[in-house]
Amino acid sequence: MSKTRHVRLSTGLKVALDGDLLAIIEALYKEITLGNGLNPSFETMRSEILSLIGQMSPGERRTYFAESLFLNSVTYENEILSAYVKRLGEKAPSAASRKKPAPRKRPISRS
């Protein structure tokens, strides 16, 4: 059985390097973003990420880079699709804004 490696955030939290990119993202959010009152700086987060990368082996970096590209490509696709659907929704007239046809006049019967 192989022992799971861990990386450590500056807060001391240990994060398992088991290929789960979302676990690292969640740890960064909880420890850095929430830990700074939802106001972390770009440099703080960048420094923390670079520290994590520095603790990884080349193989681990490759694994997490592949996971990151995959996650970002899926996120990008979802954002593009969402914008497209929103644009379609804006072009389709709503039921309330559709012009109702004028009522038909009944012909005058001459009987």
N, C-alpha and C. Protein backbone atom coordinates (compact mmCIF):
# COMPACT_ATOMS: atom_id res chain seq x y z
N MET A 1 0.85 -1.17 0.00
CA MET A 1 0.00 0.00 0.00
C MET A 1 0.90 1.24 0.00
N SER A 2 0.64 2.14 -0.95
CA SER A 2 1.48 3.34 -1.03
C SER A 2 0.97 4.41 -0.06
N LYS A 3 1.92 5.11 0.51
CA LYS A 3 1.60 6.17 1.45
C LYS A 3 1.25 7.44 0.67
N THR A 4 0.14 8.09 1.02
CA THR A 4 -0.28 9.32 0.35
C THR A 4 0.60 10.47 0.81
N ARG A 5 1.13 11.18 -0.16
CA ARG A 5 1.93 12.38 0.15
C ARG A 5 1.00 13.55 0.43
N HIS A 6 1.52 14.50 1.16
CA HIS A 6 0.77 15.71 1.49
C HIS A 6 1.61 16.94 1.20
N VAL A 7 0.94 18.04 0.94
CA VAL A 7 1.58 19.35 0.88
C VAL A 7 0.98 20.15 2.03
N ARG A 8 1.68 21.18 2.42
CA ARG A 8 1.22 21.98 3.56
C ARG A 8 1.02 23.42 3.13
N LEU A 9 -0.14 23.98 3.48
CA LEU A 9 -0.40 25.40 3.25
C LEU A 9 0.33 26.21 4.30
N SER A 10 0.44 27.51 4.07
CA SER A 10 1.12 28.38 5.04
C SER A 10 0.39 28.42 6.38
N THR A 11 -0.87 28.06 6.38
CA THR A 11 -1.65 28.03 7.61
C THR A 11 -1.38 26.77 8.42
N GLY A 12 -0.64 25.82 7.82
CA GLY A 12 -0.34 24.56 8.49
C GLY A 12 -1.23 23.41 8.05
N LEU A 13 -2.30 23.69 7.32
CA LEU A 13 -3.20 22.64 6.86
C LEU A 13 -2.49 21.72 5.89
N LYS A 14 -2.62 20.42 6.11
CA LYS A 14 -2.06 19.43 5.20
C LYS A 14 -3.13 19.01 4.19
N VAL A 15 -2.72 18.95 2.92
CA VAL A 15 -3.63 18.55 1.85
C VAL A 15 -3.03 17.35 1.15
N ALA A 16 -3.81 16.29 1.00
CA ALA A 16 -3.34 15.07 0.36
C ALA A 16 -3.11 15.30 -1.13
N LEU A 17 -2.03 14.73 -1.64
CA LEU A 17 -1.76 14.77 -3.08
C LEU A 17 -2.22 13.44 -3.67
N ASP A 18 -3.53 13.34 -3.85
CA ASP A 18 -4.11 12.11 -4.38
C ASP A 18 -4.75 12.32 -5.75
N GLY A 19 -4.41 13.42 -6.41
CA GLY A 19 -4.95 13.71 -7.74
C GLY A 19 -6.24 14.51 -7.73
N ASP A 20 -6.75 14.84 -6.57
CA ASP A 20 -8.01 15.56 -6.45
C ASP A 20 -7.77 17.07 -6.44
N LEU A 21 -7.82 17.68 -7.61
CA LEU A 21 -7.58 19.12 -7.74
C LEU A 21 -8.59 19.93 -6.93
N LEU A 22 -9.84 19.50 -6.92
CA LEU A 22 -10.86 20.25 -6.19
C LEU A 22 -10.58 20.30 -4.70
N ALA A 23 -9.92 19.28 -4.15
CA ALA A 23 -9.56 19.29 -2.73
C ALA A 23 -8.56 20.41 -2.46
N ILE A 24 -7.62 20.60 -3.38
CA ILE A 24 -6.64 21.68 -3.21
C ILE A 24 -7.32 23.04 -3.35
N ILE A 25 -8.19 23.17 -4.35
CA ILE A 25 -8.91 24.43 -4.55
C ILE A 25 -9.77 24.76 -3.34
N GLU A 26 -10.45 23.75 -2.80
CA GLU A 26 -11.29 23.96 -1.62
C GLU A 26 -10.44 24.37 -0.42
N ALA A 27 -9.29 23.73 -0.24
CA ALA A 27 -8.40 24.08 0.87
C ALA A 27 -7.91 25.52 0.73
N LEU A 28 -7.53 25.91 -0.49
CA LEU A 28 -7.09 27.29 -0.72
C LEU A 28 -8.21 28.27 -0.40
N TYR A 29 -9.41 27.95 -0.83
CA TYR A 29 -10.55 28.83 -0.57
C TYR A 29 -10.79 28.98 0.93
N LYS A 30 -10.87 27.84 1.62
CA LYS A 30 -11.18 27.89 3.05
C LYS A 30 -10.08 28.57 3.85
N GLU A 31 -8.84 28.22 3.57
CA GLU A 31 -7.73 28.72 4.38
C GLU A 31 -7.29 30.13 3.99
N ILE A 32 -7.25 30.42 2.70
CA ILE A 32 -6.71 31.70 2.25
C ILE A 32 -7.81 32.73 2.05
N THR A 33 -8.83 32.37 1.27
CA THR A 33 -9.91 33.33 0.99
C THR A 33 -10.74 33.61 2.24
N LEU A 34 -11.27 32.56 2.87
CA LEU A 34 -12.08 32.78 4.07
C LEU A 34 -11.22 33.24 5.23
N GLY A 35 -9.99 32.76 5.29
CA GLY A 35 -9.08 33.15 6.36
C GLY A 35 -8.71 34.63 6.32
N ASN A 36 -8.85 35.23 5.15
CA ASN A 36 -8.57 36.66 5.00
C ASN A 36 -9.85 37.46 4.86
N GLY A 37 -10.91 36.95 5.43
CA GLY A 37 -12.19 37.68 5.43
C GLY A 37 -12.72 37.93 4.03
N LEU A 38 -12.61 36.96 3.14
CA LEU A 38 -13.07 37.05 1.76
C LEU A 38 -12.36 38.17 0.99
N ASN A 39 -11.16 38.53 1.44
CA ASN A 39 -10.43 39.61 0.80
C ASN A 39 -8.95 39.29 0.62
N PRO A 40 -8.65 38.11 0.02
CA PRO A 40 -7.24 37.80 -0.19
C PRO A 40 -6.71 38.59 -1.38
N SER A 41 -5.44 38.92 -1.33
CA SER A 41 -4.88 39.63 -2.47
C SER A 41 -4.43 38.63 -3.53
N PHE A 42 -4.27 39.13 -4.72
CA PHE A 42 -3.75 38.30 -5.81
C PHE A 42 -2.41 37.72 -5.42
N GLU A 43 -1.55 38.54 -4.84
CA GLU A 43 -0.20 38.10 -4.48
C GLU A 43 -0.22 37.03 -3.38
N THR A 44 -1.14 37.17 -2.43
CA THR A 44 -1.24 36.17 -1.36
C THR A 44 -1.61 34.81 -1.94
N MET A 45 -2.63 34.79 -2.79
CA MET A 45 -3.08 33.53 -3.38
C MET A 45 -2.00 32.97 -4.31
N ARG A 46 -1.39 33.84 -5.10
CA ARG A 46 -0.33 33.39 -6.02
C ARG A 46 0.82 32.77 -5.24
N SER A 47 1.23 33.42 -4.19
CA SER A 47 2.32 32.92 -3.36
C SER A 47 1.98 31.56 -2.76
N GLU A 48 0.76 31.40 -2.31
CA GLU A 48 0.33 30.12 -1.73
C GLU A 48 0.34 29.02 -2.78
N ILE A 49 -0.15 29.32 -3.97
CA ILE A 49 -0.18 28.34 -5.05
C ILE A 49 1.25 27.96 -5.46
N LEU A 50 2.13 28.95 -5.58
CA LEU A 50 3.52 28.66 -5.94
C LEU A 50 4.20 27.82 -4.86
N SER A 51 3.87 28.05 -3.61
CA SER A 51 4.41 27.25 -2.52
C SER A 51 3.97 25.79 -2.65
N LEU A 52 2.69 25.59 -2.97
CA LEU A 52 2.19 24.22 -3.15
C LEU A 52 2.91 23.54 -4.32
N ILE A 53 3.05 24.25 -5.43
CA ILE A 53 3.72 23.70 -6.60
C ILE A 53 5.16 23.33 -6.26
N GLY A 54 5.81 24.18 -5.48
CA GLY A 54 7.19 23.91 -5.08
C GLY A 54 7.35 22.66 -4.24
N GLN A 55 6.29 22.24 -3.56
CA GLN A 55 6.34 21.03 -2.73
C GLN A 55 6.04 19.77 -3.52
N MET A 56 5.65 19.91 -4.79
CA MET A 56 5.28 18.75 -5.61
C MET A 56 6.45 18.26 -6.44
N SER A 57 6.42 16.97 -6.71
CA SER A 57 7.40 16.37 -7.61
C SER A 57 7.00 16.71 -9.04
N PRO A 58 7.90 16.55 -10.00
CA PRO A 58 7.53 16.79 -11.41
C PRO A 58 6.31 15.96 -11.85
N GLY A 59 6.22 14.73 -11.41
CA GLY A 59 5.07 13.88 -11.77
C GLY A 59 3.77 14.40 -11.18
N GLU A 60 3.84 14.85 -9.93
CA GLU A 60 2.64 15.40 -9.30
C GLU A 60 2.22 16.69 -9.97
N ARG A 61 3.18 17.53 -10.33
CA ARG A 61 2.85 18.77 -11.05
C ARG A 61 2.18 18.44 -12.38
N ARG A 62 2.69 17.45 -13.07
CA ARG A 62 2.10 17.04 -14.36
C ARG A 62 0.65 16.59 -14.16
N THR A 63 0.43 15.77 -13.14
CA THR A 63 -0.93 15.27 -12.85
C THR A 63 -1.89 16.42 -12.57
N TYR A 64 -1.46 17.35 -11.70
CA TYR A 64 -2.34 18.45 -11.33
C TYR A 64 -2.50 19.46 -12.46
N PHE A 65 -1.49 19.63 -13.29
CA PHE A 65 -1.61 20.52 -14.43
C PHE A 65 -2.64 19.97 -15.42
N ALA A 66 -2.59 18.66 -15.66
CA ALA A 66 -3.57 18.03 -16.56
C ALA A 66 -4.99 18.18 -15.99
N GLU A 67 -5.14 17.96 -14.68
CA GLU A 67 -6.44 18.13 -14.04
C GLU A 67 -6.93 19.57 -14.15
N SER A 68 -6.00 20.53 -13.97
CA SER A 68 -6.35 21.94 -14.06
C SER A 68 -6.82 22.31 -15.46
N LEU A 69 -6.09 21.84 -16.47
CA LEU A 69 -6.51 22.13 -17.85
C LEU A 69 -7.87 21.52 -18.15
N PHE A 70 -8.10 20.31 -17.69
CA PHE A 70 -9.40 19.67 -17.92
C PHE A 70 -10.51 20.46 -17.24
N LEU A 71 -10.32 20.79 -15.97
CA LEU A 71 -11.35 21.54 -15.23
C LEU A 71 -11.61 22.88 -15.88
N ASN A 72 -10.56 23.57 -16.29
CA ASN A 72 -10.73 24.87 -16.93
C ASN A 72 -11.40 24.76 -18.29
N SER A 73 -11.12 23.70 -19.04
CA SER A 73 -11.78 23.55 -20.34
C SER A 73 -13.27 23.29 -20.16
N VAL A 74 -13.64 22.50 -19.16
CA VAL A 74 -15.05 22.23 -18.89
C VAL A 74 -15.75 23.51 -18.42
N THR A 75 -15.08 24.27 -17.54
CA THR A 75 -15.64 25.53 -17.07
C THR A 75 -15.85 26.50 -18.23
N TYR A 76 -14.86 26.58 -19.11
CA TYR A 76 -14.95 27.45 -20.29
C TYR A 76 -16.12 27.05 -21.17
N GLU A 77 -16.24 25.75 -21.45
CA GLU A 77 -17.35 25.26 -22.27
C GLU A 77 -18.69 25.63 -21.65
N ASN A 78 -18.81 25.46 -20.34
CA ASN A 78 -20.06 25.78 -19.65
C ASN A 78 -20.38 27.27 -19.71
N GLU A 79 -19.36 28.12 -19.60
CA GLU A 79 -19.58 29.56 -19.68
C GLU A 79 -20.01 29.97 -21.08
N ILE A 80 -19.40 29.38 -22.10
CA ILE A 80 -19.77 29.69 -23.48
C ILE A 80 -21.20 29.23 -23.75
N LEU A 81 -21.53 28.03 -23.30
CA LEU A 81 -22.88 27.51 -23.50
C LEU A 81 -23.90 28.36 -22.76
N SER A 82 -23.58 28.78 -21.55
CA SER A 82 -24.48 29.62 -20.77
C SER A 82 -24.72 30.95 -21.47
N ALA A 83 -23.66 31.56 -22.00
CA ALA A 83 -23.81 32.84 -22.71
C ALA A 83 -24.66 32.65 -23.96
N TYR A 84 -24.48 31.53 -24.66
CA TYR A 84 -25.25 31.25 -25.87
C TYR A 84 -26.74 31.08 -25.53
N VAL A 85 -27.01 30.32 -24.49
CA VAL A 85 -28.41 30.10 -24.08
C VAL A 85 -29.04 31.42 -23.63
N LYS A 86 -28.28 32.23 -22.92
CA LYS A 86 -28.79 33.54 -22.48
C LYS A 86 -29.12 34.41 -23.68
N ARG A 87 -28.22 34.40 -24.68
CA ARG A 87 -28.44 35.19 -25.88
C ARG A 87 -29.69 34.70 -26.62
N LEU A 88 -29.88 33.40 -26.68
CA LEU A 88 -31.09 32.86 -27.32
C LEU A 88 -32.34 33.31 -26.57
N GLY A 89 -32.26 33.31 -25.24
CA GLY A 89 -33.40 33.73 -24.42
C GLY A 89 -33.75 35.19 -24.61
N GLU A 90 -32.73 36.02 -24.86
CA GLU A 90 -32.98 37.45 -25.07
C GLU A 90 -33.62 37.71 -26.43
N LYS A 91 -33.33 36.87 -27.40
CA LYS A 91 -33.86 37.07 -28.76
C LYS A 91 -35.28 36.56 -28.89
N ALA A 92 -35.64 35.57 -28.12
CA ALA A 92 -36.99 35.01 -28.22
C ALA A 92 -37.96 35.94 -27.52
N PRO A 93 -39.02 36.37 -28.22
CA PRO A 93 -39.99 37.26 -27.57
C PRO A 93 -40.76 36.51 -26.49
N SER A 94 -41.01 37.16 -25.40
CA SER A 94 -41.77 36.53 -24.33
C SER A 94 -43.25 36.59 -24.68
N ALA A 95 -44.02 35.78 -24.02
CA ALA A 95 -45.46 35.72 -24.29
C ALA A 95 -46.11 37.07 -24.01
N ALA A 96 -45.65 37.77 -23.01
CA ALA A 96 -46.26 39.06 -22.65
C ALA A 96 -45.93 40.14 -23.67
N SER A 97 -44.77 40.02 -24.32
CA SER A 97 -44.39 41.09 -25.25
C SER A 97 -44.84 40.82 -26.68
N ARG A 98 -45.36 39.65 -26.93
CA ARG A 98 -45.85 39.37 -28.28
C ARG A 98 -47.07 40.22 -28.58
N LYS A 99 -47.13 40.73 -29.78
CA LYS A 99 -48.27 41.56 -30.19
C LYS A 99 -49.47 40.65 -30.41
N LYS A 100 -50.56 41.00 -29.78
CA LYS A 100 -51.77 40.22 -29.98
C LYS A 100 -52.43 40.68 -31.27
N PRO A 101 -52.95 39.74 -32.04
CA PRO A 101 -53.62 40.14 -33.27
C PRO A 101 -54.87 40.97 -32.96
N ALA A 102 -55.14 41.90 -33.82
CA ALA A 102 -56.33 42.74 -33.64
C ALA A 102 -57.57 41.86 -33.74
N PRO A 103 -58.56 42.16 -32.92
CA PRO A 103 -59.78 41.34 -32.99
C PRO A 103 -60.44 41.49 -34.37
N ARG A 104 -60.96 40.41 -34.83
CA ARG A 104 -61.61 40.43 -36.14
C ARG A 104 -62.95 41.11 -36.02
N LYS A 105 -63.23 41.92 -37.00
CA LYS A 105 -64.54 42.58 -37.02
C LYS A 105 -65.51 41.61 -37.67
N ARG A 106 -66.65 41.51 -37.05
CA ARG A 106 -67.66 40.61 -37.60
C ARG A 106 -68.36 41.34 -38.75
N PRO A 107 -68.49 40.66 -39.82
CA PRO A 107 -69.21 41.32 -40.93
C PRO A 107 -70.65 41.64 -40.54
N ILE A 108 -71.14 42.73 -41.05
CA ILE A 108 -72.53 43.12 -40.77
C ILE A 108 -73.41 42.26 -41.66
N SER A 109 -74.32 41.57 -40.98
CA SER A 109 -75.19 40.72 -41.78
C SER A 109 -76.40 41.53 -42.24
N ARG A 110 -76.75 41.36 -43.47
CA ARG A 110 -77.89 42.10 -44.03
C ARG A 110 -79.02 41.11 -44.27
N SER A 111 -79.77 40.89 -43.30
CA SER A 111 -80.88 39.98 -43.49
C SER A 111 -82.18 40.64 -43.30
